[in-house]
Amino acid sequence: MTMRSMGLIFAVALGAGAAASARTGVDSVYTSLEGKACRKTIDDRTTGAFTLTCPGPGKFALQALDDDGRSSVNVVAPDRRVFALRYWDVVAQGFSSLGKTAEWRVSRVDGRMVPAALIVRVNATDQSDPEHPKRVALLAVAQIRENAACVVKTVAAGAAKANAQARAIADGPRLPCLGL
C-alpha cells in the first residue's frame, strides 16, 4: 500500500467520523459537582447528610447527594421534577463518592439545549470480599427521557477507552433502567 493510498484511506475515515458526529448532533457539556456553583443544603445535622444543587445545561440541575459515606445524583428537570438515579442501589451499594464533574450529552432542538444523557464518575468500594475491600472507579451512564431518567449501564473507568464507551452507550438506543 502506498503512502498516497494510506493518506486517502485516513482522509475518508476522518471525514466519515466527522459526518457521523455531525449527523448525531450530540455534544458534551461539563458541569461541576462541587464548589461555588453549587448550593449546599444540610439534610441531617446528626449524620452530616447533605445535598449540593448544581446548575446544568438547558435549565436542568443536578442534586449531588451524600449520606453516610454513600453518594448519588438526582436529575432536576426545568419544571422541577426530580428523577432519582439511585446510585447507592444500582451503581455501588457500599461506600462511594462522586467525581468532580458531570458530563451531559446534549442535542439542540429548536435552538434549545436538551440533555439526553448524563455520565458521572463514581468512586466506589467493592465489598464482594469483605476481608479485602477495594476501591473501584465506575462511570455511571444515565439516559434522560421526557418523563424519566435512570442509570442504564456502568463502565469500569480504568478500562481502555472508557469515556468513549460511556458516550456510545449514552448516545445509543434506549436501554432498560438498571434495578427495575
C-alpha atoms as a PDB file:
ATOM      1  CA  MET A   1       0.000   0.000   0.000  1.00  0.00           C
ATOM      2  CA  THR A   2       1.430   3.361  -0.979  1.00  0.00           C
ATOM      3  CA  MET A   3       1.615   6.423   1.244  1.00  0.00           C
ATOM      4  CA  ARG A   4      -0.863   8.153  -1.044  1.00  0.00           C
ATOM      5  CA  SER A   5      -3.488   5.400  -0.698  1.00  0.00           C
ATOM      6  CA  MET A   6      -2.955   5.275   3.075  1.00  0.00           C
ATOM      7  CA  GLY A   7      -3.461   9.045   3.212  1.00  0.00           C
ATOM      8  CA  LEU A   8      -6.645   8.721   1.162  1.00  0.00           C
ATOM      9  CA  ILE A   9      -7.991   5.998   3.461  1.00  0.00           C
ATOM     10  CA  PHE A  10      -7.195   8.159   6.506  1.00  0.00           C
ATOM     11  CA  ALA A  11      -8.930  11.200   4.965  1.00  0.00           C
ATOM     12  CA  VAL A  12     -12.044   9.163   4.107  1.00  0.00           C
ATOM     13  CA  ALA A  13     -12.153   7.659   7.614  1.00  0.00           C
ATOM     14  CA  LEU A  14     -11.710  11.083   9.193  1.00  0.00           C
ATOM     15  CA  GLY A  15     -14.477  12.527   7.026  1.00  0.00           C
ATOM     16  CA  ALA A  16     -16.799   9.620   7.820  1.00  0.00           C
ATOM     17  CA  GLY A  17     -16.191  10.102  11.534  1.00  0.00           C
ATOM     18  CA  ALA A  18     -16.932  13.814  11.280  1.00  0.00           C
ATOM     19  CA  ALA A  19     -20.074  13.152   9.249  1.00  0.00           C
ATOM     20  CA  ALA A  20     -21.303  10.622  11.805  1.00  0.00           C
ATOM     21  CA  SER A  21     -20.648  13.087  14.609  1.00  0.00           C
ATOM     22  CA  ALA A  22     -22.476  15.896  12.781  1.00  0.00           C
ATOM     23  CA  ARG A  23     -25.332  13.554  11.960  1.00  0.00           C
ATOM     24  CA  THR A  24     -25.970  12.677  15.604  1.00  0.00           C
ATOM     25  CA  GLY A  25     -25.785  16.305  16.711  1.00  0.00           C
ATOM     26  CA  VAL A  26     -24.803  15.266  20.223  1.00  0.00           C
ATOM     27  CA  ASP A  27     -22.228  17.257  22.178  1.00  0.00           C
ATOM     28  CA  SER A  28     -20.752  17.162  25.663  1.00  0.00           C
ATOM     29  CA  VAL A  29     -21.343  19.885  28.234  1.00  0.00           C
ATOM     30  CA  TYR A  30     -19.411  19.641  31.501  1.00  0.00           C
ATOM     31  CA  THR A  31     -20.705  20.982  34.809  1.00  0.00           C
ATOM     32  CA  SER A  32     -19.246  20.976  38.302  1.00  0.00           C
ATOM     33  CA  LEU A  33     -20.488  18.780  41.138  1.00  0.00           C
ATOM     34  CA  GLU A  34     -18.737  20.901  43.757  1.00  0.00           C
ATOM     35  CA  GLY A  35     -17.677  24.398  44.657  1.00  0.00           C
ATOM     36  CA  LYS A  36     -19.202  27.823  44.377  1.00  0.00           C
ATOM     37  CA  ALA A  37     -21.522  26.935  41.501  1.00  0.00           C
ATOM     38  CA  CYS A  38     -23.462  24.585  43.804  1.00  0.00           C
ATOM     39  CA  ARG A  39     -25.770  25.376  46.724  1.00  0.00           C
ATOM     40  CA  LYS A  40     -25.352  23.177  49.823  1.00  0.00           C
ATOM     41  CA  THR A  41     -28.298  22.091  51.959  1.00  0.00           C
ATOM     42  CA  ILE A  42     -27.791  20.110  55.177  1.00  0.00           C
ATOM     43  CA  ASP A  43     -30.339  17.290  55.209  1.00  0.00           C
ATOM     44  CA  ASP A  44     -29.499  15.801  58.604  1.00  0.00           C
ATOM     45  CA  ARG A  45     -27.257  17.585  61.104  1.00  0.00           C
ATOM     46  CA  THR A  46     -26.738  14.411  63.139  1.00  0.00           C
ATOM     47  CA  THR A  47     -25.415  12.280  60.277  1.00  0.00           C
ATOM     48  CA  GLY A  48     -23.995  15.126  58.206  1.00  0.00           C
ATOM     49  CA  ALA A  49     -26.074  14.145  55.169  1.00  0.00           C
ATOM     50  CA  PHE A  50     -26.207  16.931  52.599  1.00  0.00           C
ATOM     51  CA  THR A  51     -27.348  17.831  49.098  1.00  0.00           C
ATOM     52  CA  LEU A  52     -25.450  20.009  46.643  1.00  0.00           C
ATOM     53  CA  THR A  53     -27.701  21.530  43.987  1.00  0.00           C
ATOM     54  CA  CYS A  54     -25.620  22.349  40.921  1.00  0.00           C
ATOM     55  CA  PRO A  55     -26.693  24.003  37.656  1.00  0.00           C
ATOM     56  CA  GLY A  56     -26.782  22.022  34.436  1.00  0.00           C
ATOM     57  CA  PRO A  57     -27.455  22.823  30.795  1.00  0.00           C
ATOM     58  CA  GLY A  58     -30.857  23.804  29.431  1.00  0.00           C
ATOM     59  CA  LYS A  59     -32.253  24.863  32.826  1.00  0.00           C
ATOM     60  CA  PHE A  60     -31.647  21.364  34.216  1.00  0.00           C
ATOM     61  CA  ALA A  61     -29.844  20.890  37.530  1.00  0.00           C
ATOM     62  CA  LEU A  62     -28.210  18.082  39.465  1.00  0.00           C
ATOM     63  CA  GLN A  63     -28.548  17.269  43.123  1.00  0.00           C
ATOM     64  CA  ALA A  64     -25.401  15.559  44.393  1.00  0.00           C
ATOM     65  CA  LEU A  65     -26.419  13.612  47.490  1.00  0.00           C
ATOM     66  CA  ASP A  66     -24.111  12.457  50.277  1.00  0.00           C
ATOM     67  CA  ASP A  67     -25.461  10.348  53.116  1.00  0.00           C
ATOM     68  CA  ASP A  68     -23.478   8.084  55.444  1.00  0.00           C
ATOM     69  CA  GLY A  69     -20.477   7.864  53.115  1.00  0.00           C
ATOM     70  CA  ARG A  70     -22.612   6.976  50.112  1.00  0.00           C
ATOM     71  CA  SER A  71     -23.325   9.220  47.152  1.00  0.00           C
ATOM     72  CA  SER A  72     -25.951   9.523  44.457  1.00  0.00           C
ATOM     73  CA  VAL A  73     -27.342  12.034  41.983  1.00  0.00           C
ATOM     74  CA  ASN A  74     -30.805  13.323  41.174  1.00  0.00           C
ATOM     75  CA  VAL A  75     -31.617  14.995  37.860  1.00  0.00           C
ATOM     76  CA  VAL A  76     -33.861  18.050  38.267  1.00  0.00           C
ATOM     77  CA  ALA A  77     -35.858  18.972  35.147  1.00  0.00           C
ATOM     78  CA  PRO A  78     -36.670  22.600  34.268  1.00  0.00           C
ATOM     79  CA  ASP A  79     -40.222  22.067  35.591  1.00  0.00           C
ATOM     80  CA  ARG A  80     -38.642  20.995  38.941  1.00  0.00           C
ATOM     81  CA  ARG A  81     -39.477  17.287  38.598  1.00  0.00           C
ATOM     82  CA  VAL A  82     -36.786  15.282  40.375  1.00  0.00           C
ATOM     83  CA  PHE A  83     -35.544  11.987  38.934  1.00  0.00           C
ATOM     84  CA  ALA A  84     -33.566   9.952  41.489  1.00  0.00           C
ATOM     85  CA  LEU A  85     -30.773   7.962  39.832  1.00  0.00           C
ATOM     86  CA  ARG A  86     -30.300   5.819  42.978  1.00  0.00           C
ATOM     87  CA  TYR A  87     -26.555   5.241  42.576  1.00  0.00           C
ATOM     88  CA  TRP A  88     -26.464   3.633  46.035  1.00  0.00           C
ATOM     89  CA  ASP A  89     -28.851   0.929  44.779  1.00  0.00           C
ATOM     90  CA  VAL A  90     -27.784   0.395  41.160  1.00  0.00           C
ATOM     91  CA  VAL A  91     -24.147   1.554  40.852  1.00  0.00           C
ATOM     92  CA  ALA A  92     -22.412   0.972  44.200  1.00  0.00           C
ATOM     93  CA  GLN A  93     -24.071  -0.303  47.340  1.00  0.00           C
ATOM     94  CA  GLY A  94     -21.017   0.273  49.521  1.00  0.00           C
ATOM     95  CA  PHE A  95     -19.248   3.499  50.365  1.00  0.00           C
ATOM     96  CA  SER A  96     -18.899   5.838  47.415  1.00  0.00           C
ATOM     97  CA  SER A  97     -18.094   9.365  46.335  1.00  0.00           C
ATOM     98  CA  LEU A  98     -18.712  11.306  43.153  1.00  0.00           C
ATOM     99  CA  GLY A  99     -16.210  12.696  40.698  1.00  0.00           C
ATOM    100  CA  LYS A 100     -15.932  16.478  40.490  1.00  0.00           C
ATOM    101  CA  THR A 101     -17.533  16.852  37.067  1.00  0.00           C
ATOM    102  CA  ALA A 102     -20.706  15.689  35.325  1.00  0.00           C
ATOM    103  CA  GLU A 103     -20.711  15.138  31.569  1.00  0.00           C
ATOM    104  CA  TRP A 104     -24.067  15.916  29.988  1.00  0.00           C
ATOM    105  CA  ARG A 105     -24.742  14.581  26.488  1.00  0.00           C
ATOM    106  CA  VAL A 106     -26.897  17.239  24.832  1.00  0.00           C
ATOM    107  CA  SER A 107     -28.501  17.965  21.487  1.00  0.00           C
ATOM    108  CA  ARG A 108     -30.126  21.106  20.163  1.00  0.00           C
ATOM    109  CA  VAL A 109     -33.866  21.050  19.499  1.00  0.00           C
ATOM    110  CA  ASP A 110     -35.426  24.214  18.085  1.00  0.00           C
ATOM    111  CA  GLY A 111     -32.345  26.130  19.235  1.00  0.00           C
ATOM    112  CA  ARG A 112     -32.628  24.839  22.823  1.00  0.00           C
ATOM    113  CA  MET A 113     -30.027  22.680  24.539  1.00  0.00           C
ATOM    114  CA  VAL A 114     -31.726  19.427  25.562  1.00  0.00           C
ATOM    115  CA  PRO A 115     -29.895  16.914  27.803  1.00  0.00           C
ATOM    116  CA  ALA A 116     -30.261  13.322  26.614  1.00  0.00           C
ATOM    117  CA  ALA A 117     -27.842  11.570  28.968  1.00  0.00           C
ATOM    118  CA  LEU A 118     -25.536  12.051  31.928  1.00  0.00           C
ATOM    119  CA  ILE A 119     -22.169  10.467  32.738  1.00  0.00           C
ATOM    120  CA  VAL A 120     -20.765  10.749  36.265  1.00  0.00           C
ATOM    121  CA  ARG A 121     -17.686   9.112  37.772  1.00  0.00           C
ATOM    122  CA  VAL A 122     -18.437   7.138  40.936  1.00  0.00           C
ATOM    123  CA  ASN A 123     -15.546   6.121  43.188  1.00  0.00           C
ATOM    124  CA  ALA A 124     -16.885   3.070  44.966  1.00  0.00           C
ATOM    125  CA  THR A 125     -15.803   0.417  47.418  1.00  0.00           C
ATOM    126  CA  ASP A 126     -16.148  -3.128  46.098  1.00  0.00           C
ATOM    127  CA  GLN A 127     -17.061  -5.221  49.126  1.00  0.00           C
ATOM    128  CA  SER A 128     -17.559  -8.525  47.320  1.00  0.00           C
ATOM    129  CA  ASP A 129     -14.692  -9.772  49.510  1.00  0.00           C
ATOM    130  CA  PRO A 130     -15.397  -8.165  52.927  1.00  0.00           C
ATOM    131  CA  GLU A 131     -11.912  -9.055  54.180  1.00  0.00           C
ATOM    132  CA  HIS A 132     -10.273  -7.178  51.297  1.00  0.00           C
ATOM    133  CA  PRO A 133     -12.462  -4.305  50.099  1.00  0.00           C
ATOM    134  CA  LYS A 134     -11.037  -2.409  47.161  1.00  0.00           C
ATOM    135  CA  ARG A 135     -11.656   0.964  45.521  1.00  0.00           C
ATOM    136  CA  VAL A 136     -13.104   0.896  42.024  1.00  0.00           C
ATOM    137  CA  ALA A 137     -13.923   3.759  39.699  1.00  0.00           C
ATOM    138  CA  LEU A 138     -17.034   3.488  37.560  1.00  0.00           C
ATOM    139  CA  LEU A 139     -18.722   5.715  35.017  1.00  0.00           C
ATOM    140  CA  ALA A 140     -22.464   5.737  35.669  1.00  0.00           C
ATOM    141  CA  VAL A 141     -24.369   6.301  32.425  1.00  0.00           C
ATOM    142  CA  ALA A 142     -27.935   7.592  32.751  1.00  0.00           C
ATOM    143  CA  GLN A 143     -30.326   8.256  29.911  1.00  0.00           C
ATOM    144  CA  ILE A 144     -32.654  11.229  30.313  1.00  0.00           C
ATOM    145  CA  ARG A 145     -36.099  10.788  28.823  1.00  0.00           C
ATOM    146  CA  GLU A 146     -39.100  13.080  28.624  1.00  0.00           C
ATOM    147  CA  ASN A 147     -40.676  11.759  31.823  1.00  0.00           C
ATOM    148  CA  ALA A 148     -37.847   9.835  33.460  1.00  0.00           C
ATOM    149  CA  ALA A 149     -34.116   9.477  33.961  1.00  0.00           C
ATOM    150  CA  CYS A 150     -32.319   6.346  35.071  1.00  0.00           C
ATOM    151  CA  VAL A 151     -28.954   4.605  35.104  1.00  0.00           C
ATOM    152  CA  VAL A 152     -28.733   2.191  32.177  1.00  0.00           C
ATOM    153  CA  LYS A 153     -25.113   0.973  32.421  1.00  0.00           C
ATOM    154  CA  THR A 154     -21.864   1.305  34.314  1.00  0.00           C
ATOM    155  CA  VAL A 155     -18.425   1.251  32.709  1.00  0.00           C
ATOM    156  CA  ALA A 156     -15.164   0.486  34.527  1.00  0.00           C
ATOM    157  CA  ALA A 157     -13.427   3.876  34.451  1.00  0.00           C
ATOM    158  CA  GLY A 158      -9.991   2.271  34.173  1.00  0.00           C
ATOM    159  CA  ALA A 159     -10.891   0.360  31.012  1.00  0.00           C
ATOM    160  CA  ALA A 160      -9.327   1.358  27.716  1.00  0.00           C
ATOM    161  CA  LYS A 161     -11.498   3.966  26.008  1.00  0.00           C
ATOM    162  CA  ALA A 162     -13.920   4.025  28.968  1.00  0.00           C
ATOM    163  CA  ASN A 163     -15.088   7.571  28.234  1.00  0.00           C
ATOM    164  CA  ALA A 164     -15.763   6.768  24.568  1.00  0.00           C
ATOM    165  CA  GLN A 165     -17.620   3.611  25.592  1.00  0.00           C
ATOM    166  CA  ALA A 166     -19.749   5.544  28.099  1.00  0.00           C
ATOM    167  CA  ARG A 167     -20.580   8.173  25.448  1.00  0.00           C
ATOM    168  CA  ALA A 168     -21.550   5.472  22.937  1.00  0.00           C
ATOM    169  CA  ILE A 169     -23.949   3.975  25.493  1.00  0.00           C
ATOM    170  CA  ALA A 170     -25.315   7.418  26.357  1.00  0.00           C
ATOM    171  CA  ASP A 171     -25.879   8.288  22.693  1.00  0.00           C
ATOM    172  CA  GLY A 172     -27.080   4.844  21.667  1.00  0.00           C
ATOM    173  CA  PRO A 173     -30.512   3.276  21.645  1.00  0.00           C
ATOM    174  CA  ARG A 174     -32.767   3.493  24.663  1.00  0.00           C
ATOM    175  CA  LEU A 175     -31.803   0.859  27.226  1.00  0.00           C
ATOM    176  CA  PRO A 176     -33.736  -0.556  30.177  1.00  0.00           C
ATOM    177  CA  CYS A 177     -33.137   1.031  33.563  1.00  0.00           C
ATOM    178  CA  LEU A 178     -30.899  -0.862  35.985  1.00  0.00           C
ATOM    179  CA  GLY A 179     -32.555  -2.133  39.133  1.00  0.00           C
ATOM    180  CA  LEU A 180     -36.141  -2.108  37.921  1.00  0.00           C
END
